[in-house]
Amino acid sequence: QLQLVESGGGLVQPGGSLRLSCVASGSTLDYSAIGWFRQAPGKEREEVSCISRRGDKPKYADAVKGRFTISKDSAENTVTLQMNSLKPEDTAVYSCAATRPLQFIEGCPMEYDKYNTWGQGAQVTVSS
């Protein structure tokens, strides 16, 4: 059974960078689209980015476009979210999620209800 574990969160100053990793175990990510989502205290969960099972056709929320980059390493069964030029409003718990195998042959969905396997989340705090 697929399990996802996020790592790489932490505290960073505004303008800094962090790299989040989503490592899969128990099954391959070759058949699943992967998404990153975040939730700040008192706010609803929002989509951040997603990538197809093939590791192409990435999508980004407008709030992070040009600053965040998602990538997939099939050999390592890992999806990475590189976050640059971080802002205080990026502070949130970031979670990765996977769709059911072959649910999306091409592309990836940005809607959280399309994902059925979730990691535990990683805290990202951007503050001076």
Foldseek 3Di string as FASTA:
>chain_A
DKAWAKDWADEAAAQAKIKIKIAIPPDFLLQKKKFKWWDDPPGDIFTAKIAGSNFDDIDGDPVQPPFWDWGDDRVRSMIMIIGGRDDQVVWTWMKMFIADGNPDVDDDDRDPVRTDHIYPTHTHGYHD
